[in-house]
């Protein structure tokens, strides 16, 4: 594409069922571009081929761009606690993008922008990362704890410690009263 040329609009047949307040930011055909589907980045999340739903930016643990392939790792909920979720890495999904355009940039920017707080802590049985993420259209932060691989995610001692860690992190990130 030339300096001032634009990527064609997303074909209507490839347009996901967007919410009323959702807009397409970038998209790219997957694989050879002949029926493999498209990845669509919106202001609310990422639409991947073969899924009938969007993955919110706050639900992506990791996104890696190799220059040809985009690999995304969504979060999987292990247990819901009072005020936060314990999550682990879901299966990583890799997509070959022949004409990526702005998609990798938008994915990186949106995932990064969603992170308001993140800190790694030692916990019983290993280590875990406490994170607070911004969710488009939602006031406040969504909290998660992600035990590192090898750390049992549903161990009672770990859960007691993560309750404490999330409580401390919430207090440290709460806006000061004026």
C-alpha atoms as a PDB file:
ATOM      1  CA  UNK A   1       0.000   0.000   0.000  1.00  0.00           C
ATOM      2  CA  UNK A   2       1.159   3.501  -0.734  1.00  0.00           C
ATOM      3  CA  UNK A   3       1.820   6.190   1.799  1.00  0.00           C
ATOM      4  CA  UNK A   4      -1.706   7.610   1.724  1.00  0.00           C
ATOM      5  CA  UNK A   5      -3.666   4.503   0.766  1.00  0.00           C
ATOM      6  CA  UNK A   6      -6.044   2.943   3.244  1.00  0.00           C
ATOM      7  CA  UNK A   7      -6.895  -0.643   3.891  1.00  0.00           C
ATOM      8  CA  UNK A   8     -10.267  -1.561   2.373  1.00  0.00           C
ATOM      9  CA  UNK A   9     -13.280  -1.578   4.675  1.00  0.00           C
ATOM     10  CA  UNK A  10     -14.148  -4.781   6.472  1.00  0.00           C
ATOM     11  CA  UNK A  11     -16.436  -6.799   4.165  1.00  0.00           C
ATOM     12  CA  UNK A  12     -19.980  -6.999   5.582  1.00  0.00           C
ATOM     13  CA  UNK A  13     -19.850 -10.817   5.562  1.00  0.00           C
ATOM     14  CA  UNK A  14     -16.856 -10.703   7.950  1.00  0.00           C
ATOM     15  CA  UNK A  15     -18.326  -8.113  10.315  1.00  0.00           C
ATOM     16  CA  UNK A  16     -18.926  -9.581  13.795  1.00  0.00           C
ATOM     17  CA  UNK A  17     -22.160  -8.871  15.711  1.00  0.00           C
ATOM     18  CA  UNK A  18     -20.961  -5.632  17.288  1.00  0.00           C
ATOM     19  CA  UNK A  19     -22.655  -4.089  20.320  1.00  0.00           C
ATOM     20  CA  UNK A  20     -24.439  -0.759  19.848  1.00  0.00           C
ATOM     21  CA  UNK A  21     -21.494   1.213  21.292  1.00  0.00           C
ATOM     22  CA  UNK A  22     -18.791  -0.909  19.627  1.00  0.00           C
ATOM     23  CA  UNK A  23     -16.723   0.168  16.613  1.00  0.00           C
ATOM     24  CA  UNK A  24     -14.107  -1.557  14.453  1.00  0.00           C
ATOM     25  CA  UNK A  25     -10.573  -0.209  14.964  1.00  0.00           C
ATOM     26  CA  UNK A  26      -8.593  -2.608  12.759  1.00  0.00           C
ATOM     27  CA  UNK A  27      -8.924  -5.986  11.095  1.00  0.00           C
ATOM     28  CA  UNK A  28      -6.848  -8.528   9.199  1.00  0.00           C
ATOM     29  CA  UNK A  29      -7.548 -11.650   7.178  1.00  0.00           C
ATOM     30  CA  UNK A  30      -6.180 -14.858   8.689  1.00  0.00           C
ATOM     31  CA  UNK A  31      -4.090 -17.411   6.764  1.00  0.00           C
ATOM     32  CA  UNK A  32      -4.329 -17.284   3.010  1.00  0.00           C
ATOM     33  CA  UNK A  33      -7.298 -14.919   3.126  1.00  0.00           C
ATOM     34  CA  UNK A  34      -9.541 -17.416   1.360  1.00  0.00           C
ATOM     35  CA  UNK A  35     -12.175 -18.318   3.915  1.00  0.00           C
ATOM     36  CA  UNK A  36      -9.915 -18.663   6.971  1.00  0.00           C
ATOM     37  CA  UNK A  37     -11.704 -15.758   8.590  1.00  0.00           C
ATOM     38  CA  UNK A  38     -10.663 -12.418  10.001  1.00  0.00           C
ATOM     39  CA  UNK A  39      -9.530 -10.999  13.309  1.00  0.00           C
ATOM     40  CA  UNK A  40     -11.323  -7.799  14.251  1.00  0.00           C
ATOM     41  CA  UNK A  41     -10.129  -5.398  16.943  1.00  0.00           C
ATOM     42  CA  UNK A  42     -12.850  -3.178  18.353  1.00  0.00           C
ATOM     43  CA  UNK A  43     -12.896  -0.612  21.126  1.00  0.00           C
ATOM     44  CA  UNK A  44     -14.324  -3.348  23.408  1.00  0.00           C
ATOM     45  CA  UNK A  45     -12.137  -6.324  22.544  1.00  0.00           C
ATOM     46  CA  UNK A  46     -10.916  -8.845  20.006  1.00  0.00           C
ATOM     47  CA  UNK A  47     -13.063 -10.976  17.699  1.00  0.00           C
ATOM     48  CA  UNK A  48     -11.249 -14.168  16.649  1.00  0.00           C
ATOM     49  CA  UNK A  49     -12.259 -16.509  13.815  1.00  0.00           C
ATOM     50  CA  UNK A  50     -14.592 -19.329  14.780  1.00  0.00           C
ATOM     51  CA  UNK A  51     -15.851 -17.666  17.953  1.00  0.00           C
ATOM     52  CA  UNK A  52     -19.282 -16.179  18.284  1.00  0.00           C
ATOM     53  CA  UNK A  53     -18.170 -13.734  20.960  1.00  0.00           C
ATOM     54  CA  UNK A  54     -15.583 -11.067  21.633  1.00  0.00           C
ATOM     55  CA  UNK A  55     -12.708 -11.463  24.103  1.00  0.00           C
ATOM     56  CA  UNK A  56     -12.488  -8.267  26.160  1.00  0.00           C
ATOM     57  CA  UNK A  57      -9.114  -6.534  26.284  1.00  0.00           C
ATOM     58  CA  UNK A  58      -9.070  -7.150  30.044  1.00  0.00           C
ATOM     59  CA  UNK A  59      -9.452 -10.906  29.400  1.00  0.00           C
ATOM     60  CA  UNK A  60      -6.300 -11.221  27.303  1.00  0.00           C
ATOM     61  CA  UNK A  61      -3.348 -12.346  29.389  1.00  0.00           C
ATOM     62  CA  UNK A  62      -0.850 -11.969  26.584  1.00  0.00           C
ATOM     63  CA  UNK A  63      -0.616 -10.960  22.913  1.00  0.00           C
ATOM     64  CA  UNK A  64       2.592 -11.471  20.921  1.00  0.00           C
ATOM     65  CA  UNK A  65       3.296 -10.272  17.373  1.00  0.00           C
ATOM     66  CA  UNK A  66       6.144 -12.067  15.551  1.00  0.00           C
ATOM     67  CA  UNK A  67       5.996  -9.946  12.399  1.00  0.00           C
ATOM     68  CA  UNK A  68       3.815 -12.539  10.637  1.00  0.00           C
ATOM     69  CA  UNK A  69       1.848 -14.269  13.360  1.00  0.00           C
ATOM     70  CA  UNK A  70      -0.323 -12.952  16.165  1.00  0.00           C
ATOM     71  CA  UNK A  71      -0.524 -15.215  19.228  1.00  0.00           C
ATOM     72  CA  UNK A  72      -3.140 -14.430  21.855  1.00  0.00           C
ATOM     73  CA  UNK A  73      -3.561 -16.071  25.254  1.00  0.00           C
ATOM     74  CA  UNK A  74      -6.969 -15.537  26.853  1.00  0.00           C
ATOM     75  CA  UNK A  75      -7.616 -15.883  30.580  1.00  0.00           C
ATOM     76  CA  UNK A  76      -9.585 -18.849  31.919  1.00  0.00           C
ATOM     77  CA  UNK A  77     -11.415 -18.404  35.213  1.00  0.00           C
ATOM     78  CA  UNK A  78     -10.515 -20.995  37.863  1.00  0.00           C
ATOM     79  CA  UNK A  79     -12.544 -19.615  40.750  1.00  0.00           C
ATOM     80  CA  UNK A  80     -14.513 -16.479  41.544  1.00  0.00           C
ATOM     81  CA  UNK A  81     -13.576 -14.890  44.869  1.00  0.00           C
ATOM     82  CA  UNK A  82     -15.051 -11.926  46.710  1.00  0.00           C
ATOM     83  CA  UNK A  83     -14.159  -9.020  44.413  1.00  0.00           C
ATOM     84  CA  UNK A  84     -11.723 -10.774  42.072  1.00  0.00           C
ATOM     85  CA  UNK A  85     -11.160 -13.778  39.833  1.00  0.00           C
ATOM     86  CA  UNK A  86      -8.405 -16.383  39.980  1.00  0.00           C
ATOM     87  CA  UNK A  87      -7.388 -17.054  36.373  1.00  0.00           C
ATOM     88  CA  UNK A  88      -4.927 -19.195  34.451  1.00  0.00           C
ATOM     89  CA  UNK A  89      -3.664 -19.014  30.883  1.00  0.00           C
ATOM     90  CA  UNK A  90      -6.102 -20.443  28.369  1.00  0.00           C
ATOM     91  CA  UNK A  91      -4.760 -22.186  25.288  1.00  0.00           C
ATOM     92  CA  UNK A  92      -2.662 -19.841  23.159  1.00  0.00           C
ATOM     93  CA  UNK A  93      -4.077 -19.258  19.678  1.00  0.00           C
ATOM     94  CA  UNK A  94      -1.793 -18.312  16.774  1.00  0.00           C
ATOM     95  CA  UNK A  95      -2.953 -16.673  13.554  1.00  0.00           C
ATOM     96  CA  UNK A  96      -0.944 -15.997  10.380  1.00  0.00           C
ATOM     97  CA  UNK A  97      -1.687 -12.455   9.141  1.00  0.00           C
ATOM     98  CA  UNK A  98      -0.532 -11.765   5.589  1.00  0.00           C
ATOM     99  CA  UNK A  99      -1.638  -8.112   5.576  1.00  0.00           C
ATOM    100  CA  UNK A 100      -1.783  -7.150   9.276  1.00  0.00           C
ATOM    101  CA  UNK A 101      -2.181  -3.403   8.817  1.00  0.00           C
ATOM    102  CA  UNK A 102      -2.871  -1.694  12.142  1.00  0.00           C
ATOM    103  CA  UNK A 103      -4.154  -4.832  13.898  1.00  0.00           C
ATOM    104  CA  UNK A 104      -0.973  -5.755  15.855  1.00  0.00           C
ATOM    105  CA  UNK A 105      -0.536  -2.136  16.979  1.00  0.00           C
ATOM    106  CA  UNK A 106      -4.163  -1.874  18.132  1.00  0.00           C
ATOM    107  CA  UNK A 107      -3.977  -5.191  20.008  1.00  0.00           C
ATOM    108  CA  UNK A 108      -0.797  -4.187  21.831  1.00  0.00           C
ATOM    109  CA  UNK A 109      -2.064  -0.704  22.661  1.00  0.00           C
ATOM    110  CA  UNK A 110      -5.456  -1.900  23.915  1.00  0.00           C
ATOM    111  CA  UNK A 111      -4.110  -4.760  26.043  1.00  0.00           C
ATOM    112  CA  UNK A 112      -1.434  -2.489  27.535  1.00  0.00           C
ATOM    113  CA  UNK A 113      -3.933   0.316  28.167  1.00  0.00           C
ATOM    114  CA  UNK A 114      -6.250  -2.060  30.022  1.00  0.00           C
ATOM    115  CA  UNK A 115      -3.621  -2.737  32.722  1.00  0.00           C
ATOM    116  CA  UNK A 116      -3.927  -0.297  35.636  1.00  0.00           C
ATOM    117  CA  UNK A 117      -1.922  -2.277  38.217  1.00  0.00           C
ATOM    118  CA  UNK A 118       0.175  -5.434  38.166  1.00  0.00           C
ATOM    119  CA  UNK A 119       2.538  -6.914  40.712  1.00  0.00           C
ATOM    120  CA  UNK A 120       4.083 -10.340  41.260  1.00  0.00           C
ATOM    121  CA  UNK A 121       3.994 -11.791  44.783  1.00  0.00           C
ATOM    122  CA  UNK A 122       5.310 -14.942  46.461  1.00  0.00           C
ATOM    123  CA  UNK A 123       2.372 -17.065  47.638  1.00  0.00           C
ATOM    124  CA  UNK A 124       2.063 -20.510  49.243  1.00  0.00           C
ATOM    125  CA  UNK A 125       3.141 -23.043  46.622  1.00  0.00           C
ATOM    126  CA  UNK A 126       4.853 -20.560  44.291  1.00  0.00           C
ATOM    127  CA  UNK A 127       4.052 -17.089  42.995  1.00  0.00           C
ATOM    128  CA  UNK A 128       1.104 -15.164  41.575  1.00  0.00           C
ATOM    129  CA  UNK A 129       0.456 -11.906  39.767  1.00  0.00           C
ATOM    130  CA  UNK A 130      -2.209  -9.556  41.107  1.00  0.00           C
ATOM    131  CA  UNK A 131      -3.616  -7.313  38.387  1.00  0.00           C
ATOM    132  CA  UNK A 132      -6.256  -4.624  38.050  1.00  0.00           C
ATOM    133  CA  UNK A 133      -7.615  -4.010  34.571  1.00  0.00           C
ATOM    134  CA  UNK A 134      -9.788  -1.326  33.026  1.00  0.00           C
ATOM    135  CA  UNK A 135     -12.904  -2.583  31.260  1.00  0.00           C
ATOM    136  CA  UNK A 136     -14.406  -0.316  28.563  1.00  0.00           C
ATOM    137  CA  UNK A 137     -17.728   1.097  29.725  1.00  0.00           C
ATOM    138  CA  UNK A 138     -17.302  -0.076  33.339  1.00  0.00           C
ATOM    139  CA  UNK A 139     -16.431   2.213  36.258  1.00  0.00           C
ATOM    140  CA  UNK A 140     -13.628   1.054  38.514  1.00  0.00           C
ATOM    141  CA  UNK A 141     -11.166  -1.779  38.027  1.00  0.00           C
ATOM    142  CA  UNK A 142     -11.577  -5.518  37.533  1.00  0.00           C
ATOM    143  CA  UNK A 143      -9.169  -7.520  39.708  1.00  0.00           C
ATOM    144  CA  UNK A 144      -7.548 -10.858  38.903  1.00  0.00           C
ATOM    145  CA  UNK A 145      -4.937 -13.130  40.409  1.00  0.00           C
ATOM    146  CA  UNK A 146      -2.939 -15.314  38.029  1.00  0.00           C
ATOM    147  CA  UNK A 147      -0.878 -18.043  39.742  1.00  0.00           C
ATOM    148  CA  UNK A 148       2.333 -18.821  37.868  1.00  0.00           C
ATOM    149  CA  UNK A 149       2.586 -22.244  36.210  1.00  0.00           C
ATOM    150  CA  UNK A 150       3.221 -24.880  38.866  1.00  0.00           C
ATOM    151  CA  UNK A 151       1.428 -22.901  41.578  1.00  0.00           C
ATOM    152  CA  UNK A 152      -1.834 -24.682  42.529  1.00  0.00           C
ATOM    153  CA  UNK A 153      -4.567 -22.148  41.646  1.00  0.00           C
ATOM    154  CA  UNK A 154      -7.226 -23.514  44.016  1.00  0.00           C
ATOM    155  CA  UNK A 155      -5.114 -24.218  47.114  1.00  0.00           C
ATOM    156  CA  UNK A 156      -6.802 -22.839  50.274  1.00  0.00           C
ATOM    157  CA  UNK A 157      -3.579 -21.289  51.626  1.00  0.00           C
ATOM    158  CA  UNK A 158      -2.985 -19.564  48.284  1.00  0.00           C
ATOM    159  CA  UNK A 159      -6.557 -18.263  48.172  1.00  0.00           C
ATOM    160  CA  UNK A 160      -6.321 -16.881  51.712  1.00  0.00           C
ATOM    161  CA  UNK A 161      -3.105 -15.069  50.774  1.00  0.00           C
ATOM    162  CA  UNK A 162      -4.531 -13.735  47.509  1.00  0.00           C
ATOM    163  CA  UNK A 163      -7.564 -12.398  49.413  1.00  0.00           C
ATOM    164  CA  UNK A 164      -5.111 -10.410  51.536  1.00  0.00           C
ATOM    165  CA  UNK A 165      -2.959  -9.297  48.573  1.00  0.00           C
ATOM    166  CA  UNK A 166      -5.948  -8.055  46.557  1.00  0.00           C
ATOM    167  CA  UNK A 167      -7.275  -6.195  49.598  1.00  0.00           C
ATOM    168  CA  UNK A 168      -3.897  -4.458  50.111  1.00  0.00           C
ATOM    169  CA  UNK A 169      -3.605  -3.633  46.376  1.00  0.00           C
ATOM    170  CA  UNK A 170      -7.145  -2.218  46.303  1.00  0.00           C
ATOM    171  CA  UNK A 171      -6.369   0.029  49.260  1.00  0.00           C
ATOM    172  CA  UNK A 172      -3.107   1.188  47.651  1.00  0.00           C
ATOM    173  CA  UNK A 173      -4.813   2.049  44.342  1.00  0.00           C
ATOM    174  CA  UNK A 174      -8.010   3.595  45.720  1.00  0.00           C
ATOM    175  CA  UNK A 175      -8.413   7.301  44.948  1.00  0.00           C
ATOM    176  CA  UNK A 176      -7.752   9.532  47.918  1.00  0.00           C
ATOM    177  CA  UNK A 177     -10.801  11.266  49.366  1.00  0.00           C
ATOM    178  CA  UNK A 178     -10.764  15.000  48.722  1.00  0.00           C
END
